[in-house]
């Protein structure tokens, strides 16, 4: 998958809760729609008229079944049933500044198993709560962080007074002793220097694999974003993905 142009979908990154399902998934689908309500009347000049009403979306995925810990689809899916879960998908390189799709979903349907002799499959369907958001990656999943720091500045868009800033955090691995902890913030700035950054979203301190999604009501006039992270513990190391979107 690439961020632009026509492509054959061969490599998509899929993050659900604290699981990176990329190497165990072969289908990812986002479906969004707005319910239309007819308002046709005698003044409609013989044409139907409609208004947009309630919106909804869902994320569907499928792949090869695996279990054993919270980073595997089976453990994650059972924990997700009936609970809110952050979902982020992006192109295969998951590079900072690359396109990402963010959603807050409820795990509602999980299927596993097939006939004898077949590779054990899974399918997952999770309808959304809040709207889906199209944004950018702020922190790549393959870069370990062992000490407090900040991420790369990314130019994105402002949020109007009728929009929200959305952010996802997927903590994919945690190691260390003496309670390794990471607190991630999404910050914004008027330019790429971040001379006077503003904390926009602060995630709950994380000590284990898992995910969070949060949102902030606009307006936000800044157009530059980054993550900052505070890490504590003895010999700590974290892998995490963070993304931001506006809707």
Protein backbone atom coordinates (compact mmCIF):
# COMPACT_ATOMS: atom_id res chain seq x y z
CA UNK A 1 0.00 0.00 0.00
CA UNK A 2 1.21 3.49 -0.81
CA UNK A 3 0.00 6.90 0.25
CA UNK A 4 -0.77 8.11 -3.29
CA UNK A 5 -1.58 6.74 -6.73
CA UNK A 6 -3.06 3.45 -7.94
CA UNK A 7 -1.68 0.44 -6.08
CA UNK A 8 -2.07 -3.25 -5.43
CA UNK A 9 -2.78 -3.74 -1.75
CA UNK A 10 -0.03 -6.04 -0.56
CA UNK A 11 1.22 -4.57 2.72
CA UNK A 12 -0.92 -2.60 5.17
CA UNK A 13 -0.14 -1.92 8.82
CA UNK A 14 -3.00 -2.79 11.16
CA UNK A 15 -2.88 -1.84 14.84
CA UNK A 16 -5.75 -2.83 17.14
CA UNK A 17 -5.40 -2.12 20.84
CA UNK A 18 -1.82 -3.15 21.73
CA UNK A 19 -1.50 -5.65 18.89
CA UNK A 20 0.34 -5.12 15.61
CA UNK A 21 -1.61 -7.53 13.39
CA UNK A 22 0.30 -6.71 10.21
CA UNK A 23 2.01 -10.08 9.83
CA UNK A 24 -1.15 -12.03 10.73
CA UNK A 25 -3.75 -10.14 8.68
CA UNK A 26 -4.68 -10.28 5.01
CA UNK A 27 -7.76 -8.07 4.92
CA UNK A 28 -8.44 -4.59 6.28
CA UNK A 29 -11.55 -2.62 5.39
CA UNK A 30 -12.92 0.68 6.66
CA UNK A 31 -16.55 1.40 5.79
CA UNK A 32 -18.15 4.77 6.55
CA UNK A 33 -21.53 6.14 5.56
CA UNK A 34 -23.99 8.93 6.31
CA UNK A 35 -27.66 8.09 6.62
CA UNK A 36 -29.76 10.18 4.25
CA UNK A 37 -33.22 11.50 5.12
CA UNK A 38 -35.60 12.46 2.34
CA UNK A 39 -37.06 15.98 2.48
CA UNK A 40 -38.85 16.04 -0.88
CA UNK A 41 -41.81 18.44 -1.01
CA UNK A 42 -44.09 20.21 -3.48
CA UNK A 43 -41.43 22.85 -3.99
CA UNK A 44 -38.75 20.34 -5.02
CA UNK A 45 -39.41 20.80 -8.74
CA UNK A 46 -39.92 17.10 -9.33
CA UNK A 47 -36.60 16.02 -7.80
CA UNK A 48 -35.98 14.27 -4.52
CA UNK A 49 -34.20 16.27 -1.83
CA UNK A 50 -32.21 14.82 1.01
CA UNK A 51 -30.35 15.80 4.18
CA UNK A 52 -27.41 14.01 5.71
CA UNK A 53 -28.29 12.52 9.11
CA UNK A 54 -26.41 10.14 11.39
CA UNK A 55 -23.03 8.78 10.36
CA UNK A 56 -21.45 5.43 11.17
CA UNK A 57 -18.35 3.43 10.37
CA UNK A 58 -16.85 0.03 11.03
CA UNK A 59 -13.49 -1.66 10.66
CA UNK A 60 -13.28 -5.23 9.37
CA UNK A 61 -10.20 -7.40 9.36
CA UNK A 62 -9.17 -10.99 8.67
CA UNK A 63 -6.06 -13.11 8.73
CA UNK A 64 -4.28 -16.11 10.25
CA UNK A 65 -5.20 -17.06 13.81
CA UNK A 66 -2.62 -16.78 16.58
CA UNK A 67 -2.76 -16.73 20.38
CA UNK A 68 -0.48 -16.62 23.40
CA UNK A 69 -0.34 -13.07 24.74
CA UNK A 70 -2.02 -9.67 24.40
CA UNK A 71 -0.10 -8.89 21.19
CA UNK A 72 -1.83 -11.81 19.40
CA UNK A 73 -5.23 -11.57 17.72
CA UNK A 74 -7.06 -14.16 19.83
CA UNK A 75 -6.08 -12.67 23.20
CA UNK A 76 -6.71 -9.15 21.93
CA UNK A 77 -10.08 -9.96 20.35
CA UNK A 78 -11.53 -11.61 23.44
CA UNK A 79 -10.40 -8.71 25.61
CA UNK A 80 -11.90 -6.28 23.07
CA UNK A 81 -15.39 -7.77 23.00
CA UNK A 82 -17.82 -5.12 24.20
CA UNK A 83 -15.02 -2.69 25.02
CA UNK A 84 -13.73 0.44 23.32
CA UNK A 85 -10.55 -0.07 21.31
CA UNK A 86 -8.29 2.22 19.33
CA UNK A 87 -7.62 1.18 15.72
CA UNK A 88 -5.02 2.71 13.42
CA UNK A 89 -4.12 1.65 9.90
CA UNK A 90 -1.44 3.12 7.66
CA UNK A 91 0.82 2.24 4.72
CA UNK A 92 3.44 -0.43 5.26
CA UNK A 93 6.33 1.87 6.11
CA UNK A 94 4.36 3.64 8.88
CA UNK A 95 6.70 6.59 8.49
CA UNK A 96 6.31 9.83 10.42
CA UNK A 97 4.12 12.20 8.44
CA UNK A 98 2.60 9.36 6.42
CA UNK A 99 -1.15 8.97 6.06
CA UNK A 100 -3.07 7.16 8.79
CA UNK A 101 -6.69 6.31 9.57
CA UNK A 102 -7.78 6.49 13.21
CA UNK A 103 -10.89 5.11 14.85
CA UNK A 104 -12.50 4.37 18.19
CA UNK A 105 -14.30 1.03 17.88
CA UNK A 106 -16.28 -1.48 19.91
CA UNK A 107 -15.36 -5.14 19.47
CA UNK A 108 -18.62 -6.86 18.54
CA UNK A 109 -17.95 -9.78 16.21
CA UNK A 110 -15.05 -12.24 16.21
CA UNK A 111 -14.89 -15.50 14.26
CA UNK A 112 -12.13 -18.10 14.31
CA UNK A 113 -11.53 -21.58 12.97
CA UNK A 114 -12.21 -23.43 9.70
CA UNK A 115 -12.37 -26.94 8.28
CA UNK A 116 -9.66 -29.52 8.82
CA UNK A 117 -6.49 -29.03 6.84
CA UNK A 118 -6.92 -25.29 6.40
CA UNK A 119 -4.80 -22.52 7.92
CA UNK A 120 -6.74 -21.40 10.98
CA UNK A 121 -8.34 -18.04 10.14
CA UNK A 122 -9.86 -15.16 12.07
CA UNK A 123 -12.26 -12.39 11.16
CA UNK A 124 -13.06 -9.34 13.25
CA UNK A 125 -15.72 -6.65 12.88
CA UNK A 126 -15.74 -3.57 15.08
CA UNK A 127 -18.30 -0.79 14.61
CA UNK A 128 -17.14 2.69 15.48
CA UNK A 129 -18.01 5.18 18.14
CA UNK A 130 -17.04 8.78 17.30
CA UNK A 131 -16.33 9.48 13.64
CA UNK A 132 -13.32 8.00 11.86
CA UNK A 133 -10.44 10.38 11.28
CA UNK A 134 -7.92 10.61 8.46
CA UNK A 135 -4.59 11.91 9.74
CA UNK A 136 -0.85 11.33 9.93
CA UNK A 137 1.62 9.15 11.82
CA UNK A 138 3.47 11.02 14.59
CA UNK A 139 5.67 8.19 15.89
CA UNK A 140 6.76 5.04 14.02
CA UNK A 141 6.19 1.59 15.56
CA UNK A 142 9.69 0.24 15.01
CA UNK A 143 11.75 2.84 16.88
CA UNK A 144 12.45 1.83 20.51
CA UNK A 145 12.44 4.62 23.09
CA UNK A 146 14.49 4.24 26.25
CA UNK A 147 14.54 7.79 27.63
CA UNK A 148 12.44 10.93 27.70
CA UNK A 149 12.31 12.88 24.43
CA UNK A 150 10.25 14.34 21.61
CA UNK A 151 9.29 13.15 18.15
CA UNK A 152 9.69 14.69 14.73
CA UNK A 153 7.59 17.77 13.93
CA UNK A 154 4.91 17.15 11.29
CA UNK A 155 2.93 19.78 9.43
CA UNK A 156 -0.74 18.87 9.23
CA UNK A 157 -3.94 20.96 9.39
CA UNK A 158 -5.71 23.25 11.84
CA UNK A 159 -8.98 22.24 13.49
CA UNK A 160 -12.01 24.52 13.24
CA UNK A 161 -14.40 25.21 16.10
CA UNK A 162 -16.73 22.50 14.74
CA UNK A 163 -14.00 19.84 14.55
CA UNK A 164 -12.03 17.66 16.95
CA UNK A 165 -8.37 16.71 17.11
CA UNK A 166 -8.11 12.92 17.50
CA UNK A 167 -5.03 10.96 18.58
CA UNK A 168 -4.22 7.27 19.01
CA UNK A 169 -1.46 5.62 21.01
CA UNK A 170 -0.61 1.93 20.58
CA UNK A 171 1.98 0.64 23.08
CA UNK A 172 3.32 -2.48 21.34
CA UNK A 173 6.04 -3.67 23.72
CA UNK A 174 7.33 -2.85 27.19
CA UNK A 175 10.53 -4.01 28.82
CA UNK A 176 12.60 -3.04 31.83
CA UNK A 177 12.41 -3.31 35.59
CA UNK A 178 11.21 -1.11 38.46
CA UNK A 179 7.86 -0.31 36.80
CA UNK A 180 8.83 1.04 33.36
CA UNK A 181 6.33 3.77 32.50
CA UNK A 182 5.72 5.99 29.49
CA UNK A 183 3.51 9.07 29.30
CA UNK A 184 2.88 10.33 25.77
CA UNK A 185 1.57 13.77 24.83
CA UNK A 186 0.48 15.24 21.52
CA UNK A 187 1.75 18.79 21.21
CA UNK A 188 1.13 21.52 18.65
CA UNK A 189 2.98 24.65 17.59
CA UNK A 190 2.66 27.58 15.23
CA UNK A 191 5.80 26.45 13.38
CA UNK A 192 8.31 23.62 13.22
CA UNK A 193 10.60 25.08 15.90
CA UNK A 194 8.22 24.20 18.75
CA UNK A 195 9.69 27.11 20.70
CA UNK A 196 6.48 27.32 22.76
CA UNK A 197 4.62 24.02 22.28
CA UNK A 198 1.08 23.53 23.57
CA UNK A 199 0.05 20.21 25.11
CA UNK A 200 -3.13 19.17 23.30
CA UNK A 201 -3.72 15.57 24.36
CA UNK A 202 -2.06 13.74 27.26
CA UNK A 203 -2.52 9.98 27.33
CA UNK A 204 -2.74 8.05 30.59
CA UNK A 205 0.65 6.77 31.75
CA UNK A 206 1.22 3.31 30.24
CA UNK A 207 3.01 0.42 31.95
CA UNK A 208 1.86 -2.44 29.70
CA UNK A 209 0.92 -3.28 26.13
CA UNK A 210 -2.35 -1.60 25.15
CA UNK A 211 -3.86 1.38 23.36
CA UNK A 212 -5.68 4.63 23.96
CA UNK A 213 -7.61 7.09 21.82
CA UNK A 214 -8.53 10.61 22.86
CA UNK A 215 -9.91 13.76 21.31
CA UNK A 216 -9.88 17.51 21.88
CA UNK A 217 -12.56 19.94 20.72
CA UNK A 218 -11.40 22.69 18.36
CA UNK A 219 -10.58 25.30 17.48
CA UNK A 220 -6.84 24.60 17.19
CA UNK A 221 -5.12 27.07 14.88
CA UNK A 222 -1.65 25.48 15.07
CA UNK A 223 -0.68 23.34 12.07
CA UNK A 224 2.46 21.62 13.42
CA UNK A 225 2.25 18.53 15.64
CA UNK A 226 4.62 16.18 17.42
CA UNK A 227 4.68 13.73 20.32
CA UNK A 228 6.62 14.11 23.53
CA UNK A 229 7.21 11.18 25.84
CA UNK A 230 8.34 10.88 29.44
CA UNK A 231 9.91 7.54 30.34
CA UNK A 232 10.82 6.22 33.78
CA UNK A 233 11.96 2.93 35.31
CA UNK A 234 15.14 0.88 35.21
CA UNK A 235 16.40 -0.08 31.73
CA UNK A 236 13.05 0.82 30.15
CA UNK A 237 12.30 0.33 26.46
CA UNK A 238 9.05 0.96 24.61
CA UNK A 239 7.80 0.44 21.08
CA UNK A 240 4.75 2.52 20.25
CA UNK A 241 2.79 4.00 17.39
CA UNK A 242 1.10 7.41 17.66
CA UNK A 243 -1.08 9.20 15.14
CA UNK A 244 -3.16 12.38 14.99
CA UNK A 245 -6.17 13.33 12.87
CA UNK A 246 -8.76 16.08 12.54
CA UNK A 247 -12.46 15.53 11.84
